[in-house]
Protein backbone atom coordinates (compact mmCIF):
# COMPACT_ATOMS: atom_id res chain seq x y z
CA MET A 1 0.00 0.00 0.00
CA ARG A 2 1.23 3.49 -0.87
CA ASP A 3 2.05 5.99 1.90
CA LEU A 4 0.96 9.47 0.81
CA SER A 5 1.46 11.17 4.18
CA GLY A 6 4.35 13.19 2.77
CA ILE A 7 2.34 14.87 0.00
CA VAL A 8 -1.28 15.10 1.18
CA LYS A 9 -1.24 18.30 3.25
CA ALA A 10 -3.93 20.03 5.30
CA TYR A 11 -5.38 21.91 2.31
CA ASP A 12 -3.82 20.45 -0.83
CA ILE A 13 -1.55 17.85 -2.39
CA ARG A 14 2.06 18.89 -2.92
CA GLY A 15 5.36 17.15 -3.56
CA VAL A 16 8.56 16.81 -5.59
CA VAL A 17 7.81 15.91 -9.21
CA GLY A 18 9.23 12.54 -10.24
CA GLU A 19 9.88 11.46 -6.64
CA GLN A 20 6.57 11.99 -4.82
CA LEU A 21 4.32 13.13 -7.63
CA ASP A 22 4.16 11.50 -11.06
CA ALA A 23 1.56 10.77 -13.75
CA GLU A 24 0.65 7.40 -12.24
CA VAL A 25 -0.26 8.67 -8.77
CA VAL A 26 -1.89 11.81 -10.17
CA ARG A 27 -4.10 9.63 -12.40
CA GLU A 28 -5.24 7.84 -9.23
CA PHE A 29 -5.92 11.17 -7.52
CA GLY A 30 -8.11 12.11 -10.48
CA ALA A 31 -10.09 8.89 -10.20
CA ALA A 32 -10.51 9.24 -6.42
CA PHE A 33 -11.61 12.87 -6.78
CA ALA A 34 -14.20 11.94 -9.42
CA ARG A 35 -15.58 9.24 -7.10
CA LEU A 36 -15.70 11.69 -4.17
CA VAL A 37 -17.53 14.54 -5.89
CA GLY A 38 -19.67 12.58 -8.36
CA GLY A 39 -21.55 14.71 -10.85
CA SER A 40 -21.16 15.06 -14.57
CA ALA A 41 -17.88 16.95 -14.99
CA VAL A 42 -14.74 18.38 -13.35
CA VAL A 43 -12.96 21.59 -14.40
CA ILE A 44 -9.15 21.52 -14.49
CA GLY A 45 -6.58 24.32 -14.77
CA HIS A 46 -2.81 24.46 -14.46
CA ASP A 47 0.02 26.93 -13.89
CA MET A 48 3.18 27.55 -15.92
CA ARG A 49 5.41 24.89 -14.33
CA GLU A 50 7.05 22.58 -16.86
CA SER A 51 5.41 19.54 -15.29
CA SER A 52 1.91 21.03 -14.99
CA PRO A 53 0.36 20.23 -18.42
CA ALA A 54 1.31 16.54 -18.27
CA LEU A 55 0.14 16.14 -14.67
CA ALA A 56 -3.15 17.90 -15.45
CA ALA A 57 -3.64 15.55 -18.41
CA ALA A 58 -2.97 12.50 -16.21
CA PHE A 59 -5.51 13.73 -13.64
CA ALA A 60 -8.05 14.24 -16.45
CA GLU A 61 -7.44 10.66 -17.57
CA GLY A 62 -8.24 9.41 -14.07
CA VAL A 63 -11.42 11.48 -14.00
CA THR A 64 -12.67 10.36 -17.42
CA ARG A 65 -12.01 6.68 -16.61
CA GLN A 66 -14.68 7.06 -13.93
CA GLY A 67 -17.19 8.16 -16.56
CA VAL A 68 -16.94 11.85 -15.66
CA ASP A 69 -16.29 14.58 -18.23
CA VAL A 70 -13.51 17.17 -17.97
CA VAL A 71 -13.58 20.87 -18.86
CA SER A 72 -9.97 21.95 -19.34
CA ILE A 73 -9.32 25.69 -19.01
CA GLY A 74 -5.57 25.33 -19.62
CA LEU A 75 -3.25 28.00 -18.21
CA ALA A 76 -4.89 29.64 -15.21
CA SER A 77 -4.28 31.34 -11.91
CA THR A 78 -5.75 29.56 -8.90
CA ASP A 79 -8.45 32.20 -8.50
CA MET A 80 -9.31 31.79 -12.19
CA LEU A 81 -9.90 28.07 -11.49
CA TYR A 82 -12.14 29.07 -8.57
CA PHE A 83 -14.00 31.41 -10.94
CA ALA A 84 -14.52 28.54 -13.39
CA SER A 85 -15.72 26.26 -10.59
CA GLY A 86 -18.18 28.90 -9.45
CA LYS A 87 -19.35 30.01 -12.85
CA LEU A 88 -19.82 26.48 -14.20
CA ASP A 89 -20.94 25.07 -10.84
CA LEU A 90 -18.44 22.22 -11.16
CA PRO A 91 -15.81 20.67 -8.89
CA GLY A 92 -12.32 21.81 -9.78
CA ALA A 93 -8.64 20.86 -9.69
CA MET A 94 -5.79 23.35 -10.02
CA PHE A 95 -2.25 22.15 -10.74
CA THR A 96 0.21 24.40 -8.97
CA ALA A 97 2.71 24.44 -6.12
CA SER A 98 2.11 28.15 -5.60
CA HIS A 99 5.42 29.79 -4.57
CA ASN A 100 7.35 26.55 -3.95
CA PRO A 101 10.56 25.94 -5.95
CA ALA A 102 10.48 24.59 -9.49
CA LYS A 103 10.94 20.93 -8.53
CA TYR A 104 7.56 20.91 -6.76
CA ASN A 105 4.03 20.66 -8.05
CA GLY A 106 0.67 20.04 -6.47
CA ILE A 107 -3.12 19.98 -6.70
CA LYS A 108 -5.63 22.34 -5.09
CA LEU A 109 -9.11 20.83 -5.11
CA CYS A 110 -12.57 22.31 -4.66
CA ARG A 111 -16.15 21.17 -4.87
CA ALA A 112 -18.72 22.85 -7.12
CA GLY A 113 -19.04 26.56 -6.39
CA ALA A 114 -15.36 26.73 -5.31
CA ALA A 115 -16.15 25.12 -1.93
CA PRO A 116 -12.90 24.01 -0.27
CA VAL A 117 -11.63 20.43 -0.07
CA GLY A 118 -9.38 19.94 2.95
CA GLN A 119 -8.52 17.09 5.31
CA ASP A 120 -11.96 17.10 6.94
CA SER A 121 -13.91 17.79 3.75
CA GLY A 122 -12.68 15.06 1.42
CA LEU A 123 -8.88 15.11 1.23
CA ALA A 124 -8.43 12.40 3.85
CA GLN A 125 -10.88 10.19 1.93
CA ILE A 126 -9.04 10.81 -1.35
CA ARG A 127 -5.74 9.90 0.29
CA ALA A 128 -7.19 6.68 1.73
CA ASP A 129 -8.66 5.69 -1.63
CA VAL A 130 -5.41 6.27 -3.51
CA GLU A 131 -3.33 4.48 -0.87
CA GLN A 132 -5.57 1.43 -1.13
CA GLY A 133 -5.94 1.63 -4.91
CA VAL A 134 -8.89 3.15 -6.73
CA PRO A 135 -10.95 0.49 -8.49
CA ASP A 136 -11.86 0.98 -12.15
CA ALA A 137 -15.44 2.03 -12.73
CA GLU A 138 -17.38 -0.83 -14.28
CA GLY A 139 -19.95 -0.48 -17.02
CA VAL A 140 -19.47 3.25 -17.57
CA THR A 141 -18.70 5.11 -20.77
CA PRO A 142 -15.44 7.06 -20.38
CA GLY A 143 -15.89 10.79 -20.05
CA THR A 144 -14.71 13.32 -22.63
CA VAL A 145 -12.33 16.27 -22.37
CA THR A 146 -13.51 19.67 -23.63
CA GLU A 147 -11.23 22.71 -23.78
CA ARG A 148 -12.63 26.10 -22.78
CA ASP A 149 -10.82 29.45 -22.57
CA MET A 150 -12.26 31.37 -19.60
CA LEU A 151 -9.67 34.14 -19.22
CA GLY A 152 -11.89 36.77 -20.84
CA GLU A 153 -14.92 35.82 -18.73
CA TYR A 154 -12.81 35.87 -15.56
CA ALA A 155 -11.41 39.32 -16.35
CA ALA A 156 -14.83 40.74 -17.21
CA TYR A 157 -16.35 39.37 -14.00
CA LEU A 158 -13.68 41.00 -11.82
CA ARG A 159 -14.13 44.35 -13.57
CA GLU A 160 -17.87 44.12 -12.88
CA LEU A 161 -17.18 43.74 -9.15
CA VAL A 162 -14.87 46.77 -8.85
CA ASP A 163 -15.66 49.93 -10.79
CA LEU A 164 -12.57 51.88 -11.81
CA SER A 165 -14.34 54.01 -14.43
CA GLY A 166 -14.13 57.08 -12.21
CA SER A 167 -10.49 56.57 -11.25
CA ARG A 168 -7.78 59.07 -12.06
CA PRO A 169 -5.01 57.62 -14.26
CA LEU A 170 -2.57 55.54 -12.24
CA ARG A 171 0.90 54.22 -12.98
CA VAL A 172 1.34 50.82 -11.36
CA VAL A 173 4.33 48.47 -11.39
CA VAL A 174 3.24 44.82 -11.36
CA ASP A 175 5.73 42.06 -10.49
CA ALA A 176 4.30 38.73 -11.65
CA GLY A 177 7.37 36.80 -10.48
CA ASN A 178 7.30 34.77 -13.74
CA GLY A 179 4.06 33.29 -12.41
CA MET A 180 0.45 33.30 -13.52
CA GLY A 181 -0.04 37.03 -12.94
CA GLY A 182 1.84 37.45 -16.21
CA HIS A 183 -1.03 35.58 -17.89
CA THR A 184 -3.99 37.18 -16.11
CA VAL A 185 -2.99 40.82 -15.46
CA PRO A 186 -2.97 41.94 -19.14
CA SER A 187 -6.57 40.75 -19.58
CA VAL A 188 -7.90 42.02 -16.25
CA PHE A 189 -6.30 45.47 -16.54
CA ASP A 190 -7.14 45.90 -20.24
CA GLY A 191 -9.12 49.09 -20.78
CA LEU A 192 -8.70 50.37 -17.20
CA PRO A 193 -7.16 53.80 -16.49
CA ILE A 194 -4.00 52.05 -15.29
CA ASP A 195 -0.60 52.30 -16.96
CA VAL A 196 0.94 48.93 -16.09
CA VAL A 197 4.72 48.69 -15.86
CA PRO A 198 5.29 44.92 -16.18
CA MET A 199 8.04 43.05 -14.34
CA TYR A 200 8.81 39.36 -14.93
CA PHE A 201 5.62 38.66 -16.92
CA GLU A 202 7.30 35.84 -18.87
CA LEU A 203 5.79 32.54 -17.71
CA ASP A 204 8.69 30.50 -16.36
CA GLY A 205 8.24 27.85 -13.69
CA SER A 206 11.96 27.87 -12.92
CA PHE A 207 11.48 31.35 -11.38
CA PRO A 208 14.70 32.81 -12.78
CA ASN A 209 14.40 36.24 -11.13
CA HIS A 210 13.24 35.54 -7.59
CA GLU A 211 11.04 33.13 -5.63
CA ALA A 212 7.39 33.90 -6.35
CA ASN A 213 6.56 34.52 -2.68
CA PRO A 214 6.02 38.26 -2.10
CA LEU A 215 5.58 37.83 1.67
CA ASP A 216 9.35 37.26 1.93
CA PRO A 217 10.89 40.77 1.93
CA LYS A 218 13.79 39.75 -0.31
CA ASN A 219 11.36 38.93 -3.12
CA ILE A 220 9.91 42.45 -3.39
CA VAL A 221 13.24 44.32 -3.48
CA ASP A 222 13.12 44.61 -7.29
CA LEU A 223 9.52 45.86 -7.16
CA GLN A 224 10.32 48.46 -4.53
CA ALA A 225 13.24 49.82 -6.55
CA ARG A 226 11.20 49.91 -9.76
CA VAL A 227 8.29 51.76 -8.13
CA ARG A 228 10.68 54.47 -6.94
CA ALA A 229 12.52 54.61 -10.28
CA GLU A 230 9.28 54.92 -12.27
CA GLY A 231 7.68 57.43 -9.90
CA ALA A 232 4.75 55.02 -9.85
CA ASP A 233 1.61 55.40 -7.75
CA ALA A 234 1.84 51.84 -6.42
CA GLY A 235 3.37 48.42 -6.89
CA VAL A 236 1.66 45.04 -6.81
CA ALA A 237 3.34 41.63 -6.54
CA PHE A 238 1.64 38.28 -7.10
CA ASP A 239 2.75 34.85 -5.94
CA GLY A 240 3.33 31.95 -8.34
CA ASP A 241 -0.31 30.96 -8.84
CA ALA A 242 -1.49 34.59 -8.48
CA ASP A 243 -4.05 33.97 -5.76
CA ARG A 244 -2.20 36.24 -3.31
CA CYS A 245 -1.19 39.84 -3.86
CA PHE A 246 1.17 42.10 -1.95
CA VAL A 247 1.16 45.90 -2.26
CA VAL A 248 3.86 48.57 -1.93
CA ASP A 249 3.14 52.29 -1.82
CA GLU A 250 4.58 55.12 -3.93
CA ARG A 251 7.69 55.24 -1.70
CA GLY A 252 8.30 51.52 -2.26
CA GLU A 253 7.27 50.76 1.32
CA PRO A 254 5.31 47.53 1.94
CA VAL A 255 1.65 47.89 2.88
CA SER A 256 0.64 45.39 5.56
CA PRO A 257 -1.89 42.77 4.44
CA SER A 258 -3.83 43.71 7.59
CA ALA A 259 -4.12 47.28 6.30
CA ILE A 260 -5.30 45.93 2.94
CA THR A 261 -7.86 43.77 4.78
CA ALA A 262 -9.17 46.81 6.63
CA LEU A 263 -9.27 48.98 3.50
CA VAL A 264 -11.18 46.40 1.46
CA ALA A 265 -13.48 45.67 4.40
CA VAL A 266 -14.47 49.35 4.57
CA ARG A 267 -15.23 49.36 0.84
CA GLU A 268 -17.32 46.19 1.07
CA LEU A 269 -19.20 47.54 4.10
CA ALA A 270 -20.05 50.68 2.14
CA LYS A 271 -21.87 48.42 -0.34
CA ASP A 272 -23.38 46.15 2.33
CA PRO A 273 -23.82 48.07 5.63
CA GLY A 274 -23.71 45.97 8.76
CA GLY A 275 -22.06 43.03 7.02
CA THR A 276 -19.83 40.45 8.66
CA ILE A 277 -16.06 40.57 8.04
CA ILE A 278 -13.84 37.56 8.76
CA HIS A 279 -10.26 38.05 9.92
CA ASN A 280 -7.82 35.45 11.18
CA LEU A 281 -6.28 35.76 14.60
CA ILE A 282 -2.88 37.03 13.45
CA THR A 283 -4.27 40.03 11.57
CA SER A 284 -3.79 43.37 13.28
CA HIS A 285 -6.22 44.34 16.04
CA ALA A 286 -6.80 47.42 13.89
CA VAL A 287 -8.94 45.27 11.57
CA PRO A 288 -11.79 44.48 13.99
CA GLU A 289 -11.59 48.01 15.40
CA ILE A 290 -12.02 49.58 11.96
CA VAL A 291 -14.76 47.10 10.99
CA ARG A 292 -16.76 48.06 14.10
CA GLU A 293 -16.19 51.77 13.46
CA HIS A 294 -17.76 51.33 10.02
CA GLY A 295 -20.77 49.45 11.35
CA GLY A 296 -19.58 45.95 10.51
CA ASN A 297 -19.42 42.76 12.52
CA PRO A 298 -15.87 41.33 12.83
CA VAL A 299 -15.50 37.58 13.34
CA ARG A 300 -12.14 36.08 14.32
CA THR A 301 -11.02 32.67 13.01
CA ARG A 302 -8.13 30.26 12.99
CA VAL A 303 -5.42 30.61 10.34
CA GLY A 304 -6.12 28.74 7.09
CA HIS A 305 -8.37 29.10 4.08
CA SER A 306 -10.71 26.24 4.96
CA PHE A 307 -11.53 27.87 8.31
CA ILE A 308 -12.10 31.26 6.68
CA LYS A 309 -14.40 29.78 4.02
CA GLU A 310 -16.34 27.74 6.57
CA GLU A 311 -16.92 30.82 8.73
CA MET A 312 -17.93 32.88 5.71
CA ALA A 313 -20.51 30.25 4.81
CA ARG A 314 -21.75 29.97 8.39
CA THR A 315 -22.04 33.72 9.00
CA GLY A 316 -22.88 34.95 5.50
CA ALA A 317 -19.79 37.17 5.65
CA ILE A 318 -19.19 39.60 2.80
CA PHE A 319 -15.38 39.57 2.98
CA GLY A 320 -12.49 37.89 4.76
CA GLY A 321 -8.77 38.61 5.03
CA GLU A 322 -5.69 36.80 6.25
CA HIS A 323 -2.33 38.28 7.18
CA SER A 324 -0.77 35.96 4.57
CA ALA A 325 -2.34 38.19 1.87
CA HIS A 326 -5.23 35.87 1.04
CA TYR A 327 -8.47 37.81 0.51
CA TYR A 328 -11.90 36.15 0.29
CA PHE A 329 -15.05 37.61 -1.24
CA ARG A 330 -18.67 36.49 -0.89
CA ASP A 331 -19.25 37.72 -4.45
CA PHE A 332 -16.43 35.44 -5.64
CA TRP A 333 -17.97 32.24 -4.23
CA ARG A 334 -16.23 32.94 -0.89
CA ALA A 335 -12.94 32.04 -2.59
CA ASP A 336 -9.67 33.92 -2.32
CA THR A 337 -8.54 36.21 -5.11
CA GLY A 338 -5.56 38.53 -4.87
CA MET A 339 -6.52 40.13 -8.17
CA LEU A 340 -9.84 41.40 -6.82
CA ALA A 341 -8.12 42.77 -3.71
CA ALA A 342 -5.60 44.59 -5.93
CA LEU A 343 -8.42 46.15 -7.95
CA HIS A 344 -10.05 47.38 -4.72
CA VAL A 345 -6.81 49.02 -3.59
CA LEU A 346 -6.29 50.72 -6.95
CA ALA A 347 -9.93 51.87 -7.07
CA ALA A 348 -9.62 53.37 -3.58
CA LEU A 349 -6.39 55.10 -4.61
CA GLY A 350 -7.84 56.40 -7.87
CA GLU A 351 -10.96 57.83 -6.22
CA GLN A 352 -8.93 60.41 -4.26
CA ASP A 353 -5.95 62.63 -4.95
CA GLY A 354 -3.56 61.66 -2.16
CA PRO A 355 -0.75 59.08 -2.33
CA LEU A 356 -1.22 55.45 -1.33
CA SER A 357 0.94 55.93 1.78
CA ALA A 358 -1.54 58.50 3.14
CA LEU A 359 -4.54 56.36 2.22
CA THR A 360 -3.25 53.21 3.92
CA ALA A 361 -1.92 55.07 6.99
CA ASP A 362 -5.53 55.31 8.16
CA TYR A 363 -5.65 51.51 8.35
CA ALA A 364 -2.26 50.82 9.99
CA ARG A 365 -2.45 51.69 13.68
CA TYR A 366 0.12 49.43 15.31
CA ALA A 367 3.61 48.02 14.84
CA ALA A 368 4.04 44.31 14.11
CA SER A 369 6.86 41.78 14.05
CA GLY A 370 5.77 39.74 11.05
CA GLU A 371 5.90 35.95 11.38
CA ILE A 372 9.01 34.59 13.12
CA ASN A 373 9.74 30.86 12.94
CA SER A 374 11.65 28.90 15.58
CA THR A 375 12.74 25.27 15.17
CA VAL A 376 11.98 23.38 18.37
CA ASP A 377 12.24 19.77 19.56
CA ASP A 378 8.92 19.73 21.42
CA GLN A 379 6.25 22.16 20.25
CA ALA A 380 3.79 21.30 23.02
CA ALA A 381 6.37 21.72 25.79
CA ARG A 382 7.50 25.12 24.49
CA LEU A 383 3.91 26.32 24.15
CA ALA A 384 3.19 25.13 27.68
CA ALA A 385 6.22 27.01 29.00
CA VAL A 386 5.05 30.24 27.39
CA LYS A 387 1.52 29.73 28.72
CA ALA A 388 2.86 29.13 32.23
CA GLU A 389 5.00 32.28 32.09
CA TYR A 390 2.19 34.63 31.02
CA GLY A 391 -0.84 32.86 32.50
CA GLY A 392 -0.07 33.93 36.04
CA ARG A 393 0.35 37.63 35.32
CA ASP A 394 -2.32 40.12 36.36
CA GLY A 395 -4.59 41.42 33.62
CA VAL A 396 -3.31 39.00 30.98
CA GLU A 397 -5.88 37.32 28.71
CA LEU A 398 -5.19 33.93 27.12
CA ASP A 399 -7.02 32.00 24.44
CA GLU A 400 -6.23 28.85 22.50
CA LEU A 401 -8.38 29.17 19.39
CA ASP A 402 -5.26 28.49 17.29
CA GLY A 403 -2.08 27.92 19.25
CA LEU A 404 -1.76 30.39 22.13
CA THR A 405 -2.79 34.05 21.96
CA VAL A 406 -1.72 36.30 24.84
CA VAL A 407 -3.10 39.83 25.28
CA LEU A 408 -1.27 42.04 27.78
CA PRO A 409 -2.90 44.82 29.83
CA ASP A 410 -1.39 47.55 27.62
CA GLY A 411 -3.10 46.05 24.52
CA SER A 412 0.01 44.49 23.04
CA TRP A 413 -0.39 40.83 22.09
CA PHE A 414 1.24 37.83 20.52
CA ASN A 415 0.18 34.54 18.97
CA LEU A 416 2.37 31.44 19.09
CA ARG A 417 1.24 28.41 17.11
CA ALA A 418 2.71 25.17 15.83
CA SER A 419 3.29 24.40 12.17
CA ASN A 420 1.25 21.46 10.91
CA THR A 421 4.04 20.17 8.70
CA GLU A 422 7.38 21.15 10.29
CA PRO A 423 8.92 21.18 13.81
CA LEU A 424 8.37 24.94 14.03
CA LEU A 425 6.62 27.42 16.27
CA ARG A 426 5.38 30.57 14.51
CA LEU A 427 5.33 33.83 16.47
CA ASN A 428 3.45 37.04 15.61
CA VAL A 429 3.69 40.11 17.86
CA GLU A 430 1.83 43.43 17.75
CA ALA A 431 2.21 46.48 19.98
CA ALA A 432 1.92 50.27 19.96
CA ASP A 433 5.39 50.89 18.52
CA GLU A 434 8.48 49.13 17.20
CA THR A 435 10.32 49.34 20.54
CA SER A 436 7.48 47.59 22.36
CA VAL A 437 7.25 44.95 19.62
CA ALA A 438 10.96 44.20 19.88
CA ALA A 439 10.85 43.91 23.67
CA LEU A 440 7.87 41.53 23.69
CA ARG A 441 9.26 39.52 20.76
CA ASP A 442 12.61 39.00 22.51
CA GLU A 443 10.90 38.04 25.79
CA VAL A 444 8.79 35.35 24.12
CA LEU A 445 11.63 34.03 21.95
CA ALA A 446 13.82 33.64 25.02
CA ILE A 447 11.28 31.14 26.37
CA VAL A 448 10.62 29.43 23.02
CA ARG A 449 14.28 29.00 22.17
CA GLY A 450 15.50 28.51 25.70
């Protein structure tokens, strides 16, 4: 029996091509997925990695052997696959390893309407079926594969959701990181009052210029320099599968994803007063404050897209944001789309005359550490030590929704949580100023690493 524990993750399937992931096992994943979701057809898209077309074709073969048709949309960003799943009301499979190095590939799965498939919503069953061997469907006619180009429909739908017709002309540098943003941005931005300065739009899954992970500061250095050199109004960077976006202002300074969450939340609340906004527990405390100030209802969740989407479905939320730069929209089937978030930021900028730095300053109230990883031998023991240290202090609030969150009497706070896949503890700290952040960060790390 196969052991797929190394590649079936909490939210997707991901591994090294040729070692952990090949056409044979992917064909089995396709068959198991078809059996799980049933129905008449599955929509499949893939990114620009060299291995993606062949793996997508193998998955399609597994699906069609179960008597289920395939709609192939070819090259796509992950949010474009979610659009196709929502628009066509079909389950979907996206071949991508997001920002991982070139040797990796993977599969992100969703049910019809872009509903997530994670460990508790089908992925564990798929893994079990593939490990045991998926039986051939008996007495069924093999499904067919139909190709459909949905890039134009995707672009048109996004432009319907965010109106930039009244925007002043903007000059925007876009770093696609040789990922799928290079495929989708030209279509989405076509006809908008935006002068796009393209960087690394050539589709290249070897990522020759930098890793396609804009949350790592070293990967936006080129964008920051180009924004300043061009005198641009803003810069936008996408990750490899273009479902996340990261923004820099006219000075080349990064804009916190929490500030973007707050800005977009305010815009969505203007359209839907009193709506619910989801934010995960490592976003800035400014987010729920600003949501309440604008008449909204903030709801705090664990980290991870399946939790966000579940809470959005449960509460009827209009928008959700994560500090990892994933942004979720009710009007986009509750799926995450960095492209739609980018359009919101540019619309907000274009509707007024000030620079982006002034606009986003209203949404950035506190200083933050960013995520700090520590390799530890015993995650539970280190978490317990931190809890013991802070739990006995006067006025300290603790909660364990996701890891350990500690709120101090002065309003500063930190969250410490274990990685699901590595022997790491992840620390996020927020306080009134950089000095306070550094002091609290060092105090916690002394316990974690001690």
